[in-house]
């Protein structure tokens, strides 16, 4: 087979794959929109929770519109593809990025649906808030981390704060909430979350997380121009966890501050 025929064959395969993935994502968008419609059709007696959930649904609708525009643009480009293999590669990369966005959207939908269902059960059974299971909390914290990585800080804070309001507490939750608050610029609130972990240092059996927390607090103090407390945290990190990789970073930071 000649090089030209091989190239045309690869281009054709890439085009078919692009079209197939595009159709799959369009169908996924439709299914997600149907699930959002189902969520909106449910009623919850707790008005405060309802307002928060409706706000989340509205944000997801906006996100869906954005994805729909992206898919429409890709659809037009796929239609115009002929033998441009490099363009096919770029389109496939865009489709893969949208796949990740859709996965995140599905996780957020699952969390909101579970919260609607929990609220419905609470309204029927008892006004007392049901405890959060470790599995549900882990899923929410994981999704919040992805939101933080994608720059959706407010949404992440709302999710994490909902866990706090439902009586859930863990060092992982405090760490992640501190990360979100720091990214938002609410540095003092972030310090409070992280310092709550340091204050429990003696109770924590797995000390591996603590060097990272000390370093976070030191950087937060530097962000608000509090060099004195930053040095205290860095020195404490070096003294308590001298073998950690964070201790080396702390030493370098102290040298630069001299």
C-alpha atoms as a PDB file:
ATOM      1  CA  UNK A   1       0.000   0.000   0.000  1.00  0.00           C
ATOM      2  CA  UNK A   2       1.367   3.406  -0.952  1.00  0.00           C
ATOM      3  CA  UNK A   3       2.139   6.071   1.647  1.00  0.00           C
ATOM      4  CA  UNK A   4      -0.634   8.284   0.241  1.00  0.00           C
ATOM      5  CA  UNK A   5      -3.242   5.509   0.543  1.00  0.00           C
ATOM      6  CA  UNK A   6      -2.106   4.756   4.106  1.00  0.00           C
ATOM      7  CA  UNK A   7      -2.420   8.427   5.001  1.00  0.00           C
ATOM      8  CA  UNK A   8      -5.914   8.648   3.496  1.00  0.00           C
ATOM      9  CA  UNK A   9      -6.938   5.485   5.348  1.00  0.00           C
ATOM     10  CA  UNK A  10      -5.717   6.873   8.693  1.00  0.00           C
ATOM     11  CA  UNK A  11      -7.546  10.127   8.031  1.00  0.00           C
ATOM     12  CA  UNK A  12     -10.761   8.270   7.253  1.00  0.00           C
ATOM     13  CA  UNK A  13     -10.473   6.186  10.432  1.00  0.00           C
ATOM     14  CA  UNK A  14      -9.816   9.335  12.489  1.00  0.00           C
ATOM     15  CA  UNK A  15     -12.846  10.995  10.915  1.00  0.00           C
ATOM     16  CA  UNK A  16     -15.121   8.032  11.706  1.00  0.00           C
ATOM     17  CA  UNK A  17     -13.864   7.876  15.291  1.00  0.00           C
ATOM     18  CA  UNK A  18     -14.451  11.614  15.706  1.00  0.00           C
ATOM     19  CA  UNK A  19     -17.993  11.341  14.379  1.00  0.00           C
ATOM     20  CA  UNK A  20     -18.738   8.334  16.624  1.00  0.00           C
ATOM     21  CA  UNK A  21     -17.410  10.046  19.744  1.00  0.00           C
ATOM     22  CA  UNK A  22     -19.258  13.220  18.848  1.00  0.00           C
ATOM     23  CA  UNK A  23     -22.552  11.351  18.541  1.00  0.00           C
ATOM     24  CA  UNK A  24     -21.899   9.575  21.842  1.00  0.00           C
ATOM     25  CA  UNK A  25     -21.234  12.872  23.649  1.00  0.00           C
ATOM     26  CA  UNK A  26     -24.353  14.461  22.166  1.00  0.00           C
ATOM     27  CA  UNK A  27     -26.390  11.529  23.479  1.00  0.00           C
ATOM     28  CA  UNK A  28     -24.711  11.855  26.880  1.00  0.00           C
ATOM     29  CA  UNK A  29     -25.575  15.554  26.975  1.00  0.00           C
ATOM     30  CA  UNK A  30     -29.202  14.688  26.246  1.00  0.00           C
ATOM     31  CA  UNK A  31     -29.295  12.095  29.036  1.00  0.00           C
ATOM     32  CA  UNK A  32     -27.733  14.513  31.522  1.00  0.00           C
ATOM     33  CA  UNK A  33     -30.252  17.191  30.579  1.00  0.00           C
ATOM     34  CA  UNK A  34     -33.076  14.677  31.172  1.00  0.00           C
ATOM     35  CA  UNK A  35     -31.663  13.929  34.614  1.00  0.00           C
ATOM     36  CA  UNK A  36     -31.479  17.643  35.426  1.00  0.00           C
ATOM     37  CA  UNK A  37     -35.126  17.976  34.350  1.00  0.00           C
ATOM     38  CA  UNK A  38     -35.955  15.109  36.703  1.00  0.00           C
ATOM     39  CA  UNK A  39     -34.128  16.822  39.566  1.00  0.00           C
ATOM     40  CA  UNK A  40     -35.985  20.074  38.999  1.00  0.00           C
ATOM     41  CA  UNK A  41     -39.305  18.195  39.037  1.00  0.00           C
ATOM     42  CA  UNK A  42     -38.718  16.954  42.596  1.00  0.00           C
ATOM     43  CA  UNK A  43     -39.845  19.071  45.531  1.00  0.00           C
ATOM     44  CA  UNK A  44     -38.101  19.540  48.844  1.00  0.00           C
ATOM     45  CA  UNK A  45     -39.665  21.030  51.943  1.00  0.00           C
ATOM     46  CA  UNK A  46     -36.398  22.540  53.214  1.00  0.00           C
ATOM     47  CA  UNK A  47     -36.404  25.883  51.361  1.00  0.00           C
ATOM     48  CA  UNK A  48     -32.817  26.791  52.241  1.00  0.00           C
ATOM     49  CA  UNK A  49     -31.448  23.544  50.826  1.00  0.00           C
ATOM     50  CA  UNK A  50     -33.753  23.876  47.848  1.00  0.00           C
ATOM     51  CA  UNK A  51     -32.322  27.275  46.956  1.00  0.00           C
ATOM     52  CA  UNK A  52     -28.768  25.946  47.071  1.00  0.00           C
ATOM     53  CA  UNK A  53     -29.585  22.933  44.948  1.00  0.00           C
ATOM     54  CA  UNK A  54     -31.506  25.004  42.404  1.00  0.00           C
ATOM     55  CA  UNK A  55     -28.494  27.300  42.134  1.00  0.00           C
ATOM     56  CA  UNK A  56     -26.270  24.290  41.458  1.00  0.00           C
ATOM     57  CA  UNK A  57     -28.694  23.040  38.812  1.00  0.00           C
ATOM     58  CA  UNK A  58     -28.663  26.465  37.125  1.00  0.00           C
ATOM     59  CA  UNK A  59     -24.869  26.445  37.082  1.00  0.00           C
ATOM     60  CA  UNK A  60     -24.866  22.998  35.522  1.00  0.00           C
ATOM     61  CA  UNK A  61     -27.336  24.133  32.864  1.00  0.00           C
ATOM     62  CA  UNK A  62     -24.929  26.937  31.946  1.00  0.00           C
ATOM     63  CA  UNK A  63     -22.136  24.373  31.830  1.00  0.00           C
ATOM     64  CA  UNK A  64     -24.241  22.197  29.518  1.00  0.00           C
ATOM     65  CA  UNK A  65     -24.852  25.146  27.189  1.00  0.00           C
ATOM     66  CA  UNK A  66     -21.103  25.732  27.018  1.00  0.00           C
ATOM     67  CA  UNK A  67     -20.472  22.065  26.216  1.00  0.00           C
ATOM     68  CA  UNK A  68     -23.225  22.121  23.604  1.00  0.00           C
ATOM     69  CA  UNK A  69     -21.550  25.085  21.888  1.00  0.00           C
ATOM     70  CA  UNK A  70     -18.217  23.248  21.929  1.00  0.00           C
ATOM     71  CA  UNK A  71     -19.796  20.134  20.447  1.00  0.00           C
ATOM     72  CA  UNK A  72     -21.514  22.195  17.747  1.00  0.00           C
ATOM     73  CA  UNK A  73     -18.182  23.779  16.805  1.00  0.00           C
ATOM     74  CA  UNK A  74     -16.523  20.372  16.676  1.00  0.00           C
ATOM     75  CA  UNK A  75     -19.394  18.971  14.616  1.00  0.00           C
ATOM     76  CA  UNK A  76     -18.898  21.703  12.018  1.00  0.00           C
ATOM     77  CA  UNK A  77     -15.162  21.034  11.918  1.00  0.00           C
ATOM     78  CA  UNK A  78     -15.637  17.270  11.610  1.00  0.00           C
ATOM     79  CA  UNK A  79     -17.977  17.848   8.675  1.00  0.00           C
ATOM     80  CA  UNK A  80     -15.245  19.866   6.915  1.00  0.00           C
ATOM     81  CA  UNK A  81     -12.483  17.334   7.578  1.00  0.00           C
ATOM     82  CA  UNK A  82     -11.040  15.698   4.462  1.00  0.00           C
ATOM     83  CA  UNK A  83      -7.419  14.604   4.457  1.00  0.00           C
ATOM     84  CA  UNK A  84      -6.063  16.898   7.168  1.00  0.00           C
ATOM     85  CA  UNK A  85      -4.732  14.327   9.658  1.00  0.00           C
ATOM     86  CA  UNK A  86      -3.298  16.972  12.046  1.00  0.00           C
ATOM     87  CA  UNK A  87      -6.684  18.703  12.284  1.00  0.00           C
ATOM     88  CA  UNK A  88      -8.275  15.347  13.074  1.00  0.00           C
ATOM     89  CA  UNK A  89      -5.821  14.942  15.962  1.00  0.00           C
ATOM     90  CA  UNK A  90      -6.776  18.360  17.364  1.00  0.00           C
ATOM     91  CA  UNK A  91     -10.480  17.555  17.118  1.00  0.00           C
ATOM     92  CA  UNK A  92      -9.933  14.242  18.919  1.00  0.00           C
ATOM     93  CA  UNK A  93      -8.042  16.083  21.678  1.00  0.00           C
ATOM     94  CA  UNK A  94     -10.954  18.503  22.105  1.00  0.00           C
ATOM     95  CA  UNK A  95     -13.423  15.611  22.261  1.00  0.00           C
ATOM     96  CA  UNK A  96     -11.295  13.940  24.953  1.00  0.00           C
ATOM     97  CA  UNK A  97     -11.327  17.153  27.002  1.00  0.00           C
ATOM     98  CA  UNK A  98     -15.106  17.305  26.705  1.00  0.00           C
ATOM     99  CA  UNK A  99     -15.254  13.652  27.824  1.00  0.00           C
ATOM    100  CA  UNK A 100     -13.542  14.640  31.080  1.00  0.00           C
ATOM    101  CA  UNK A 101     -15.969  17.541  31.541  1.00  0.00           C
ATOM    102  CA  UNK A 102     -18.885  15.164  31.038  1.00  0.00           C
ATOM    103  CA  UNK A 103     -17.478  12.722  33.595  1.00  0.00           C
ATOM    104  CA  UNK A 104     -17.240  15.524  36.142  1.00  0.00           C
ATOM    105  CA  UNK A 105     -20.790  16.603  35.290  1.00  0.00           C
ATOM    106  CA  UNK A 106     -22.076  13.061  35.865  1.00  0.00           C
ATOM    107  CA  UNK A 107     -20.433  12.929  39.292  1.00  0.00           C
ATOM    108  CA  UNK A 108     -21.957  16.267  40.257  1.00  0.00           C
ATOM    109  CA  UNK A 109     -25.375  15.062  39.087  1.00  0.00           C
ATOM    110  CA  UNK A 110     -25.047  11.904  41.215  1.00  0.00           C
ATOM    111  CA  UNK A 111     -24.165  13.948  44.297  1.00  0.00           C
ATOM    112  CA  UNK A 112     -27.077  16.347  43.816  1.00  0.00           C
ATOM    113  CA  UNK A 113     -29.491  13.456  43.205  1.00  0.00           C
ATOM    114  CA  UNK A 114     -28.312  11.754  46.395  1.00  0.00           C
ATOM    115  CA  UNK A 115     -28.798  15.002  48.312  1.00  0.00           C
ATOM    116  CA  UNK A 116     -32.327  15.387  46.944  1.00  0.00           C
ATOM    117  CA  UNK A 117     -33.104  11.806  47.942  1.00  0.00           C
ATOM    118  CA  UNK A 118     -31.595  12.279  51.431  1.00  0.00           C
ATOM    119  CA  UNK A 119     -33.641  15.443  51.906  1.00  0.00           C
ATOM    120  CA  UNK A 120     -36.791  13.668  50.773  1.00  0.00           C
ATOM    121  CA  UNK A 121     -36.192  10.875  53.285  1.00  0.00           C
ATOM    122  CA  UNK A 122     -35.489  13.375  56.052  1.00  0.00           C
ATOM    123  CA  UNK A 123     -38.683  15.287  55.330  1.00  0.00           C
ATOM    124  CA  UNK A 124     -40.727  12.074  55.567  1.00  0.00           C
ATOM    125  CA  UNK A 125     -38.909  10.340  58.421  1.00  0.00           C
ATOM    126  CA  UNK A 126     -37.579  13.005  60.739  1.00  0.00           C
ATOM    127  CA  UNK A 127     -36.467  16.659  60.820  1.00  0.00           C
ATOM    128  CA  UNK A 128     -33.117  15.481  62.182  1.00  0.00           C
ATOM    129  CA  UNK A 129     -30.344  15.502  59.565  1.00  0.00           C
ATOM    130  CA  UNK A 130     -29.173  12.017  58.664  1.00  0.00           C
ATOM    131  CA  UNK A 131     -25.441  11.373  59.195  1.00  0.00           C
ATOM    132  CA  UNK A 132     -23.207  11.470  56.151  1.00  0.00           C
ATOM    133  CA  UNK A 133     -21.675   8.134  55.201  1.00  0.00           C
ATOM    134  CA  UNK A 134     -17.939   7.903  54.582  1.00  0.00           C
ATOM    135  CA  UNK A 135     -18.609   6.802  51.000  1.00  0.00           C
ATOM    136  CA  UNK A 136     -20.781   9.829  50.243  1.00  0.00           C
ATOM    137  CA  UNK A 137     -18.347  12.201  51.975  1.00  0.00           C
ATOM    138  CA  UNK A 138     -15.389  10.786  50.039  1.00  0.00           C
ATOM    139  CA  UNK A 139     -17.257  11.219  46.756  1.00  0.00           C
ATOM    140  CA  UNK A 140     -18.124  14.847  47.557  1.00  0.00           C
ATOM    141  CA  UNK A 141     -14.567  15.686  48.654  1.00  0.00           C
ATOM    142  CA  UNK A 142     -13.139  14.034  45.538  1.00  0.00           C
ATOM    143  CA  UNK A 143     -15.486  15.996  43.290  1.00  0.00           C
ATOM    144  CA  UNK A 144     -14.669  19.212  45.175  1.00  0.00           C
ATOM    145  CA  UNK A 145     -10.977  18.647  44.502  1.00  0.00           C
ATOM    146  CA  UNK A 146     -11.685  18.291  40.790  1.00  0.00           C
ATOM    147  CA  UNK A 147     -13.718  21.504  40.897  1.00  0.00           C
ATOM    148  CA  UNK A 148     -10.825  23.298  42.607  1.00  0.00           C
ATOM    149  CA  UNK A 149      -8.432  22.023  39.925  1.00  0.00           C
ATOM    150  CA  UNK A 150     -10.817  23.349  37.258  1.00  0.00           C
ATOM    151  CA  UNK A 151     -11.064  26.753  38.941  1.00  0.00           C
ATOM    152  CA  UNK A 152     -14.675  26.324  40.108  1.00  0.00           C
ATOM    153  CA  UNK A 153     -13.828  27.406  43.643  1.00  0.00           C
ATOM    154  CA  UNK A 154     -17.228  28.672  44.816  1.00  0.00           C
ATOM    155  CA  UNK A 155     -18.926  25.451  43.776  1.00  0.00           C
ATOM    156  CA  UNK A 156     -16.302  23.435  45.651  1.00  0.00           C
ATOM    157  CA  UNK A 157     -16.723  25.534  48.809  1.00  0.00           C
ATOM    158  CA  UNK A 158     -20.506  25.061  48.690  1.00  0.00           C
ATOM    159  CA  UNK A 159     -20.127  21.303  48.418  1.00  0.00           C
ATOM    160  CA  UNK A 160     -17.620  21.095  51.271  1.00  0.00           C
ATOM    161  CA  UNK A 161     -19.606  23.499  53.455  1.00  0.00           C
ATOM    162  CA  UNK A 162     -22.681  21.322  52.973  1.00  0.00           C
ATOM    163  CA  UNK A 163     -20.763  18.445  54.562  1.00  0.00           C
ATOM    164  CA  UNK A 164     -19.850  20.645  57.531  1.00  0.00           C
ATOM    165  CA  UNK A 165     -23.478  21.767  57.934  1.00  0.00           C
ATOM    166  CA  UNK A 166     -24.564  18.131  57.970  1.00  0.00           C
ATOM    167  CA  UNK A 167     -22.235  17.402  60.873  1.00  0.00           C
ATOM    168  CA  UNK A 168     -19.441  15.662  58.967  1.00  0.00           C
ATOM    169  CA  UNK A 169     -15.851  16.337  59.983  1.00  0.00           C
ATOM    170  CA  UNK A 170     -12.511  14.897  58.907  1.00  0.00           C
ATOM    171  CA  UNK A 171      -8.959  16.072  58.380  1.00  0.00           C
ATOM    172  CA  UNK A 172      -9.329  15.437  54.659  1.00  0.00           C
ATOM    173  CA  UNK A 173     -12.374  17.712  54.590  1.00  0.00           C
ATOM    174  CA  UNK A 174     -10.564  20.478  56.494  1.00  0.00           C
ATOM    175  CA  UNK A 175      -7.524  20.209  54.233  1.00  0.00           C
ATOM    176  CA  UNK A 176      -9.596  20.437  51.054  1.00  0.00           C
ATOM    177  CA  UNK A 177     -11.804  23.232  52.386  1.00  0.00           C
ATOM    178  CA  UNK A 178      -8.659  25.143  53.365  1.00  0.00           C
ATOM    179  CA  UNK A 179      -7.285  24.677  49.839  1.00  0.00           C
ATOM    180  CA  UNK A 180     -10.490  26.057  48.330  1.00  0.00           C
ATOM    181  CA  UNK A 181     -10.626  29.043  50.685  1.00  0.00           C
ATOM    182  CA  UNK A 182      -6.954  29.837  50.004  1.00  0.00           C
ATOM    183  CA  UNK A 183      -7.550  29.704  46.232  1.00  0.00           C
ATOM    184  CA  UNK A 184     -10.494  32.066  46.692  1.00  0.00           C
ATOM    185  CA  UNK A 185      -8.327  34.550  48.585  1.00  0.00           C
ATOM    186  CA  UNK A 186      -9.932  33.950  51.990  1.00  0.00           C
ATOM    187  CA  UNK A 187      -6.528  33.240  53.490  1.00  0.00           C
ATOM    188  CA  UNK A 188      -7.335  33.705  57.180  1.00  0.00           C
ATOM    189  CA  UNK A 189     -10.230  31.268  56.939  1.00  0.00           C
ATOM    190  CA  UNK A 190      -7.918  28.780  55.207  1.00  0.00           C
ATOM    191  CA  UNK A 191      -5.381  29.150  58.024  1.00  0.00           C
ATOM    192  CA  UNK A 192      -8.089  28.403  60.593  1.00  0.00           C
ATOM    193  CA  UNK A 193      -9.026  25.177  58.807  1.00  0.00           C
ATOM    194  CA  UNK A 194      -5.418  23.996  58.594  1.00  0.00           C
ATOM    195  CA  UNK A 195      -4.520  25.090  62.133  1.00  0.00           C
ATOM    196  CA  UNK A 196      -7.426  22.978  63.419  1.00  0.00           C
ATOM    197  CA  UNK A 197      -5.536  19.968  62.043  1.00  0.00           C
ATOM    198  CA  UNK A 198      -2.225  21.054  63.592  1.00  0.00           C
ATOM    199  CA  UNK A 199      -3.955  21.545  66.937  1.00  0.00           C
ATOM    200  CA  UNK A 200      -4.960  17.865  66.802  1.00  0.00           C
ATOM    201  CA  UNK A 201      -1.427  16.799  65.900  1.00  0.00           C
ATOM    202  CA  UNK A 202      -1.037  14.570  68.964  1.00  0.00           C
ATOM    203  CA  UNK A 203      -4.281  12.745  68.159  1.00  0.00           C
ATOM    204  CA  UNK A 204      -3.360  11.985  64.549  1.00  0.00           C
ATOM    205  CA  UNK A 205      -1.836   8.526  64.156  1.00  0.00           C
ATOM    206  CA  UNK A 206      -0.784   8.959  60.529  1.00  0.00           C
ATOM    207  CA  UNK A 207       1.607  11.916  60.667  1.00  0.00           C
ATOM    208  CA  UNK A 208       2.421  11.877  56.937  1.00  0.00           C
ATOM    209  CA  UNK A 209      -0.086  14.622  56.141  1.00  0.00           C
ATOM    210  CA  UNK A 210       1.199  17.071  58.757  1.00  0.00           C
ATOM    211  CA  UNK A 211       4.352  18.349  56.987  1.00  0.00           C
ATOM    212  CA  UNK A 212       2.156  19.397  54.039  1.00  0.00           C
ATOM    213  CA  UNK A 213      -0.222  21.195  56.399  1.00  0.00           C
ATOM    214  CA  UNK A 214       2.633  23.082  58.112  1.00  0.00           C
ATOM    215  CA  UNK A 215       3.907  24.177  54.706  1.00  0.00           C
ATOM    216  CA  UNK A 216       0.424  25.281  53.624  1.00  0.00           C
ATOM    217  CA  UNK A 217       0.046  27.416  56.752  1.00  0.00           C
ATOM    218  CA  UNK A 218       3.494  28.966  56.289  1.00  0.00           C
ATOM    219  CA  UNK A 219       2.694  29.915  52.692  1.00  0.00           C
ATOM    220  CA  UNK A 220      -0.654  31.317  53.797  1.00  0.00           C
ATOM    221  CA  UNK A 221       1.026  33.532  56.413  1.00  0.00           C
ATOM    222  CA  UNK A 222       3.432  34.768  53.748  1.00  0.00           C
ATOM    223  CA  UNK A 223       0.455  35.555  51.502  1.00  0.00           C
ATOM    224  CA  UNK A 224      -0.887  37.967  54.139  1.00  0.00           C
ATOM    225  CA  UNK A 225       2.608  39.427  54.811  1.00  0.00           C
ATOM    226  CA  UNK A 226       2.931  37.765  58.230  1.00  0.00           C
ATOM    227  CA  UNK A 227       6.552  36.708  57.936  1.00  0.00           C
ATOM    228  CA  UNK A 228       6.993  36.189  61.679  1.00  0.00           C
ATOM    229  CA  UNK A 229       4.370  33.437  61.946  1.00  0.00           C
ATOM    230  CA  UNK A 230       5.491  31.990  58.619  1.00  0.00           C
ATOM    231  CA  UNK A 231       8.981  31.498  60.089  1.00  0.00           C
ATOM    232  CA  UNK A 232       7.501  29.888  63.208  1.00  0.00           C
ATOM    233  CA  UNK A 233       5.627  27.341  61.089  1.00  0.00           C
ATOM    234  CA  UNK A 234       8.638  26.619  58.875  1.00  0.00           C
ATOM    235  CA  UNK A 235      10.917  26.098  61.859  1.00  0.00           C
ATOM    236  CA  UNK A 236       8.354  23.838  63.526  1.00  0.00           C
ATOM    237  CA  UNK A 237       8.127  21.788  60.340  1.00  0.00           C
ATOM    238  CA  UNK A 238      11.916  21.344  60.197  1.00  0.00           C
ATOM    239  CA  UNK A 239      12.138  20.436  63.892  1.00  0.00           C
ATOM    240  CA  UNK A 240       9.258  17.945  63.967  1.00  0.00           C
ATOM    241  CA  UNK A 241       9.633  16.357  60.541  1.00  0.00           C
ATOM    242  CA  UNK A 242      13.301  16.778  59.540  1.00  0.00           C
ATOM    243  CA  UNK A 243      13.270  13.803  57.138  1.00  0.00           C
ATOM    244  CA  UNK A 244      10.281  14.999  55.104  1.00  0.00           C
ATOM    245  CA  UNK A 245      10.634  16.516  51.649  1.00  0.00           C
ATOM    246  CA  UNK A 246       8.688  19.520  52.967  1.00  0.00           C
ATOM    247  CA  UNK A 247      11.454  20.163  55.535  1.00  0.00           C
ATOM    248  CA  UNK A 248      13.948  20.732  52.698  1.00  0.00           C
ATOM    249  CA  UNK A 249      11.535  23.192  51.088  1.00  0.00           C
ATOM    250  CA  UNK A 250      11.122  24.937  54.455  1.00  0.00           C
ATOM    251  CA  UNK A 251      14.901  25.269  54.847  1.00  0.00           C
ATOM    252  CA  UNK A 252      15.190  26.867  51.408  1.00  0.00           C
ATOM    253  CA  UNK A 253      12.341  29.247  52.218  1.00  0.00           C
ATOM    254  CA  UNK A 254      13.960  30.324  55.509  1.00  0.00           C
ATOM    255  CA  UNK A 255      17.274  30.999  53.742  1.00  0.00           C
ATOM    256  CA  UNK A 256      15.529  33.278  51.253  1.00  0.00           C
ATOM    257  CA  UNK A 257      13.825  35.127  54.100  1.00  0.00           C
ATOM    258  CA  UNK A 258      17.102  35.884  55.930  1.00  0.00           C
END
